[in-house]
Protein backbone atom coordinates (compact mmCIF):
# COMPACT_ATOMS: atom_id res chain seq x y z
CA UNK A 1 94.20 138.81 85.03
CA UNK A 2 91.69 138.93 87.91
CA UNK A 3 88.88 137.83 85.59
CA UNK A 4 91.01 134.87 84.46
CA UNK A 5 91.69 133.84 88.07
CA UNK A 6 87.99 134.07 88.93
CA UNK A 7 87.20 131.88 85.91
CA UNK A 8 89.84 129.35 86.92
CA UNK A 9 88.58 129.23 90.52
CA UNK A 10 85.03 128.71 89.28
CA UNK A 11 86.20 125.90 87.02
CA UNK A 12 88.14 124.26 89.86
CA UNK A 13 85.04 124.37 92.07
CA UNK A 14 83.00 122.79 89.27
CA UNK A 15 85.57 120.00 88.93
CA UNK A 16 85.61 119.34 92.66
CA UNK A 17 81.82 119.53 92.80
CA UNK A 18 81.49 116.84 90.12
CA UNK A 19 83.77 114.35 91.88
CA UNK A 20 82.39 111.14 93.33
CA UNK A 21 84.01 108.14 94.98
CA UNK A 22 84.13 106.23 91.71
CA UNK A 23 86.90 108.68 90.87
CA UNK A 24 89.95 106.78 92.04
CA UNK A 25 91.84 109.76 93.44
CA UNK A 26 88.81 111.18 95.20
CA UNK A 27 88.11 107.79 96.78
CA UNK A 28 91.67 107.82 98.08
CA UNK A 29 91.12 111.19 99.75
CA UNK A 30 87.81 110.03 101.19
CA UNK A 31 89.37 106.98 102.86
CA UNK A 32 92.87 108.21 103.65
CA UNK A 33 93.41 107.61 107.39
CA UNK A 34 89.61 107.44 107.72
CA UNK A 35 89.00 104.24 109.64
CA UNK A 36 85.26 104.79 110.07
CA UNK A 37 84.63 105.21 106.34
CA UNK A 38 86.83 102.24 105.43
CA UNK A 39 85.01 100.22 108.08
CA UNK A 40 81.65 100.95 106.42
CA UNK A 41 83.01 99.72 103.09
CA UNK A 42 84.32 96.47 104.50
CA UNK A 43 81.37 95.76 106.78
CA UNK A 44 78.83 96.22 103.99
CA UNK A 45 80.77 94.37 101.29
CA UNK A 46 81.68 91.43 103.54
CA UNK A 47 78.37 91.42 105.43
CA UNK A 48 80.18 91.55 108.76
CA UNK A 49 79.30 94.39 111.15
CA UNK A 50 81.99 93.30 113.62
CA UNK A 51 84.93 94.35 111.43
CA UNK A 52 87.01 96.98 113.23
CA UNK A 53 89.51 98.78 111.02
CA UNK A 54 92.78 99.51 112.79
CA UNK A 55 94.48 101.55 110.07
CA UNK A 56 93.99 102.50 106.43
CA UNK A 57 96.50 103.83 103.91
CA UNK A 58 96.25 104.98 100.32
CA UNK A 59 98.63 104.45 97.41
CA UNK A 60 100.71 101.84 99.23
CA UNK A 61 103.70 100.90 97.09
CA UNK A 62 104.80 97.28 97.44
CA UNK A 63 108.24 96.61 96.02
CA UNK A 64 108.90 93.28 94.33
CA UNK A 65 112.63 92.91 93.72
CA UNK A 66 112.08 89.82 91.56
CA UNK A 67 109.36 91.13 89.28
CA UNK A 68 106.44 93.51 88.88
CA UNK A 69 105.86 95.90 91.79
CA UNK A 70 102.42 97.30 92.68
CA UNK A 71 100.79 100.42 94.02
CA UNK A 72 97.64 99.57 95.91
CA UNK A 73 94.80 102.11 95.91
CA UNK A 74 93.63 101.42 99.45
CA UNK A 75 95.14 99.08 102.03
CA UNK A 76 93.39 98.54 105.35
CA UNK A 77 94.03 96.28 108.31
CA UNK A 78 91.48 95.23 110.89
CA UNK A 79 91.76 94.29 114.57
CA UNK A 80 92.19 90.61 113.65
CA UNK A 81 95.26 91.38 111.55
CA UNK A 82 93.51 90.78 108.23
CA UNK A 83 94.51 92.93 105.25
CA UNK A 84 92.06 94.40 102.74
CA UNK A 85 93.13 95.86 99.41
CA UNK A 86 90.35 97.90 97.75
CA UNK A 87 90.72 98.90 94.09
CA UNK A 88 88.28 101.14 92.21
CA UNK A 89 88.21 100.31 88.49
CA UNK A 90 86.19 102.32 85.98
CA UNK A 91 87.80 100.52 83.06
CA UNK A 92 86.98 96.84 82.44
CA UNK A 93 90.58 96.36 81.30
CA UNK A 94 91.75 97.40 84.77
CA UNK A 95 90.11 94.47 86.57
CA UNK A 96 91.20 91.23 84.89
CA UNK A 97 91.18 88.03 86.94
CA UNK A 98 94.96 87.65 86.76
CA UNK A 99 95.50 91.14 88.16
CA UNK A 100 93.41 90.18 91.18
CA UNK A 101 95.47 86.99 91.49
CA UNK A 102 98.70 89.00 91.31
CA UNK A 103 97.60 91.50 93.96
CA UNK A 104 96.63 88.62 96.23
CA UNK A 105 100.04 87.00 95.79
CA UNK A 106 101.99 90.21 96.31
CA UNK A 107 100.16 90.80 99.60
CA UNK A 108 101.26 87.33 100.70
CA UNK A 109 104.92 87.89 99.85
CA UNK A 110 104.89 91.31 101.54
CA UNK A 111 103.24 90.35 104.81
CA UNK A 112 104.97 87.05 105.59
CA UNK A 113 108.20 88.16 107.21
CA UNK A 114 111.44 86.11 107.10
CA UNK A 115 111.54 83.43 109.75
CA UNK A 116 107.77 83.38 110.21
CA UNK A 117 105.73 80.19 109.85
CA UNK A 118 103.30 79.82 106.94
CA UNK A 119 100.50 79.52 109.50
CA UNK A 120 101.25 83.13 110.48
CA UNK A 121 100.39 84.41 107.00
CA UNK A 122 97.50 86.84 107.51
CA UNK A 123 94.16 86.52 105.76
CA UNK A 124 93.96 88.80 102.73
CA UNK A 125 91.06 90.25 100.75
CA UNK A 126 91.47 91.81 97.31
CA UNK A 127 88.32 93.80 96.50
CA UNK A 128 87.68 95.22 93.04
CA UNK A 129 84.83 97.74 92.86
CA UNK A 130 84.05 97.95 89.14
CA UNK A 131 81.97 100.43 87.19
CA UNK A 132 80.58 97.66 84.97
CA UNK A 133 79.64 94.06 85.62
CA UNK A 134 82.97 92.68 84.40
CA UNK A 135 82.07 89.06 85.28
CA UNK A 136 78.79 89.33 83.34
CA UNK A 137 76.42 87.34 85.59
CA UNK A 138 74.42 90.35 86.82
CA UNK A 139 75.30 89.66 90.43
CA UNK A 140 75.81 92.51 92.90
CA UNK A 141 78.87 90.81 94.34
CA UNK A 142 81.19 87.93 93.44
CA UNK A 143 82.92 86.13 96.32
CA UNK A 144 85.85 84.11 95.00
CA UNK A 145 87.68 81.42 96.98
CA UNK A 146 89.69 78.38 96.02
CA UNK A 147 87.87 75.08 96.21
CA UNK A 148 88.52 71.36 95.80
CA UNK A 149 87.00 70.20 92.51
CA UNK A 150 86.34 66.63 93.63
CA UNK A 151 84.11 67.49 96.60
CA UNK A 152 83.36 71.21 96.03
CA UNK A 153 84.66 72.07 99.51
CA UNK A 154 86.41 75.39 100.03
CA UNK A 155 90.19 75.22 100.30
CA UNK A 156 90.69 77.55 103.25
CA UNK A 157 94.03 79.20 102.53
CA UNK A 158 92.98 82.59 103.90
CA UNK A 159 92.85 84.43 100.58
CA UNK A 160 89.71 85.96 99.10
CA UNK A 161 89.02 87.91 95.93
CA UNK A 162 85.81 89.93 95.68
CA UNK A 163 84.34 91.75 92.70
CA UNK A 164 81.64 94.34 93.47
CA UNK A 165 79.35 95.32 90.60
CA UNK A 166 78.59 99.02 91.13
CA UNK A 167 75.79 98.91 88.56
CA UNK A 168 73.57 97.16 91.12
CA UNK A 169 72.28 100.18 93.06
CA UNK A 170 69.15 98.88 94.79
CA UNK A 171 67.85 99.52 98.32
CA UNK A 172 69.94 96.84 100.01
CA UNK A 173 72.86 97.91 102.22
CA UNK A 174 75.27 97.07 99.40
CA UNK A 175 73.08 98.81 96.81
CA UNK A 176 72.99 101.98 98.92
CA UNK A 177 76.76 101.85 99.25
CA UNK A 178 77.00 101.66 95.47
CA UNK A 179 74.65 104.65 95.20
CA UNK A 180 76.96 106.57 97.50
CA UNK A 181 79.92 105.83 95.22
CA UNK A 182 78.28 107.92 92.48
CA UNK A 183 76.93 110.63 94.78
CA UNK A 184 78.47 114.11 94.41
CA UNK A 185 76.66 115.88 97.28
CA UNK A 186 77.31 115.10 100.98
CA UNK A 187 73.67 115.70 101.91
CA UNK A 188 72.54 112.91 99.57
CA UNK A 189 74.82 110.20 100.96
CA UNK A 190 73.21 107.24 102.70
CA UNK A 191 76.17 106.57 105.00
CA UNK A 192 76.96 109.49 107.28
CA UNK A 193 80.52 108.22 107.72
CA UNK A 194 81.24 109.56 104.21
CA UNK A 195 79.34 112.83 104.52
CA UNK A 196 81.65 114.67 106.92
CA UNK A 197 84.76 113.92 104.85
CA UNK A 198 83.08 114.84 101.57
CA UNK A 199 81.83 118.09 103.10
CA UNK A 200 85.38 118.91 104.19
CA UNK A 201 86.98 118.03 100.85
CA UNK A 202 84.46 119.84 98.69
CA UNK A 203 83.44 122.87 100.72
CA UNK A 204 86.47 123.95 102.73
CA UNK A 205 89.62 125.75 101.68
CA UNK A 206 91.73 123.15 103.47
CA UNK A 207 89.97 120.36 101.60
CA UNK A 208 90.55 122.06 98.27
CA UNK A 209 94.24 122.47 99.10
CA UNK A 210 94.40 118.81 100.12
CA UNK A 211 93.13 117.81 96.68
CA UNK A 212 95.87 119.61 94.77
CA UNK A 213 96.79 116.36 93.01
CA UNK A 214 93.24 115.90 91.70
CA UNK A 215 93.15 119.46 90.39
CA UNK A 216 96.59 119.13 88.80
CA UNK A 217 95.53 115.85 87.21
CA UNK A 218 92.43 117.56 85.82
CA UNK A 219 94.54 120.47 84.51
CA UNK A 220 96.93 118.04 82.83
CA UNK A 221 94.03 116.18 81.19
CA UNK A 222 92.50 119.45 80.04
CA UNK A 223 95.83 120.63 78.58
CA UNK A 224 96.19 117.30 76.79
CA UNK A 225 92.64 117.56 75.41
CA UNK A 226 93.26 121.12 74.22
CA UNK A 227 96.49 120.05 72.53
CA UNK A 228 94.71 117.20 70.77
CA UNK A 229 91.94 119.56 69.69
CA UNK A 230 94.54 121.99 68.30
CA UNK A 231 96.17 119.18 66.32
CA UNK A 232 92.77 118.09 64.98
CA UNK A 233 91.90 121.65 64.02
CA UNK A 234 95.24 122.10 62.22
CA UNK A 235 94.74 118.82 60.39
CA UNK A 236 91.20 119.86 59.42
CA UNK A 237 92.42 123.18 58.02
CA UNK A 238 95.21 121.44 56.11
CA UNK A 239 92.70 119.00 54.61
CA UNK A 240 90.35 121.85 53.66
CA UNK A 241 93.22 123.65 51.92
CA UNK A 242 94.26 120.47 50.13
CA UNK A 243 90.68 119.86 49.01
CA UNK A 244 90.45 123.43 47.68
CA UNK A 245 93.65 122.83 45.70
CA UNK A 246 92.25 119.58 44.28
CA UNK A 247 89.04 121.32 43.24
CA UNK A 248 90.99 124.15 41.60
CA UNK A 249 93.12 121.64 39.67
CA UNK A 250 90.06 119.65 38.57
CA UNK A 251 88.28 122.78 37.39
CA UNK A 252 91.31 123.71 35.30
CA UNK A 253 91.58 120.26 33.76
CA UNK A 254 87.88 120.16 32.91
CA UNK A 255 88.06 123.67 31.43
CA UNK A 256 90.92 122.46 29.21
CA UNK A 257 88.69 119.66 27.89
CA UNK A 258 90.18 116.76 29.87
CA UNK A 259 87.94 113.71 30.39
CA UNK A 260 86.23 112.80 33.64
CA UNK A 261 88.55 109.80 34.05
CA UNK A 262 91.71 111.85 33.45
CA UNK A 263 90.56 114.54 35.91
CA UNK A 264 89.73 111.99 38.61
CA UNK A 265 93.14 110.35 38.22
CA UNK A 266 95.14 113.58 38.44
CA UNK A 267 93.08 115.65 40.88
CA UNK A 268 92.54 112.82 43.41
CA UNK A 269 88.86 113.81 43.71
CA UNK A 270 86.15 111.18 43.58
CA UNK A 271 84.31 110.59 40.34
CA UNK A 272 81.11 111.98 41.89
CA UNK A 273 82.92 115.17 42.88
CA UNK A 274 84.42 115.61 39.40
CA UNK A 275 81.07 115.01 37.69
CA UNK A 276 79.45 117.60 39.96
CA UNK A 277 82.15 120.14 38.99
CA UNK A 278 81.70 119.27 35.31
CA UNK A 279 77.93 119.81 35.50
CA UNK A 280 78.47 123.25 37.05
CA UNK A 281 80.96 124.21 34.31
CA UNK A 282 78.54 123.17 31.57
CA UNK A 283 75.55 124.90 33.15
C-alpha cells in the first residue's frame, strides 16, 4: 500500500511539473485573484503599460435566461472600468470567430444594468490566446474592430476582439510572453510576476492542495484512457481468437479437398491467406 502511495505521489508531482500556462486550468490558477500577473498579460498584449488591473476572476459564469450561457476562463477589470475576457484555446475548434462574437455580446448584456444609458456600456476586450495560428496569416496578434466599409474608418463602439498566436515566440515583449505560456519551470520565466505564483503552485504543499481539480481531471483522463485501452485489448484478443477459428476452418476445408474459392467464401479469410495455407498443406 505504501509503495502504491509513493508511486501515486511521484506521478502527481510529474503531472504538476509538466503543467504550463497553455493548460487552461493551470492558467486559471496562475491568474486567480492575481492582479499583477493579469496586468502583465493585458499590458503586453495591448501594448499599454498604463493598464492597472483592479480585480481578476476565473471561471465566471454568465447566465443568459434567453439563450446560451457562458463560463469565461478569465475575467478582469481595470481602473478605467474596462472588462477583459481572456480565453486559452489549444484546439482550433475552440476559437471560431462566432464564439468570439458571442462572448463579446454576452459581456455587453451582462454589464449594462437596467436603467443605464447605452453610453455607460463599458469597453470590452475578448482575447483568445490560441495554440495555433487559427487566422492563418502568420501574425503574432490580430486586433479586430468594427469599421465602416465606405471610408475604412473604425466604428468606435467600445468592443474589441483579439487573437494572439502563441506560435510566434520571438524576443519581442509579446514573443517572450508566449514563451512563458509554454514554460514549466519558474526559474525560466521571463516575467517575474508569474514566477512566484508558479513556484507556489508547483513546489509547495498548499499549492498542490489548491490544484486538486487539475489532479482530479488528470486522474479522470487517465482512468478514461485505461478503460479505452482495456476495450481495445479485449477487442484485439477477440479478433485474434476469431482469426484462429477462421484459419482452423480453412485448414479443414482445404484438407477435405475444397477449392480455394469455396474456402475463401466460407472461412472469410482473404484469398492470399487461403493460398498461403494451401501451400503449407501441400508442402
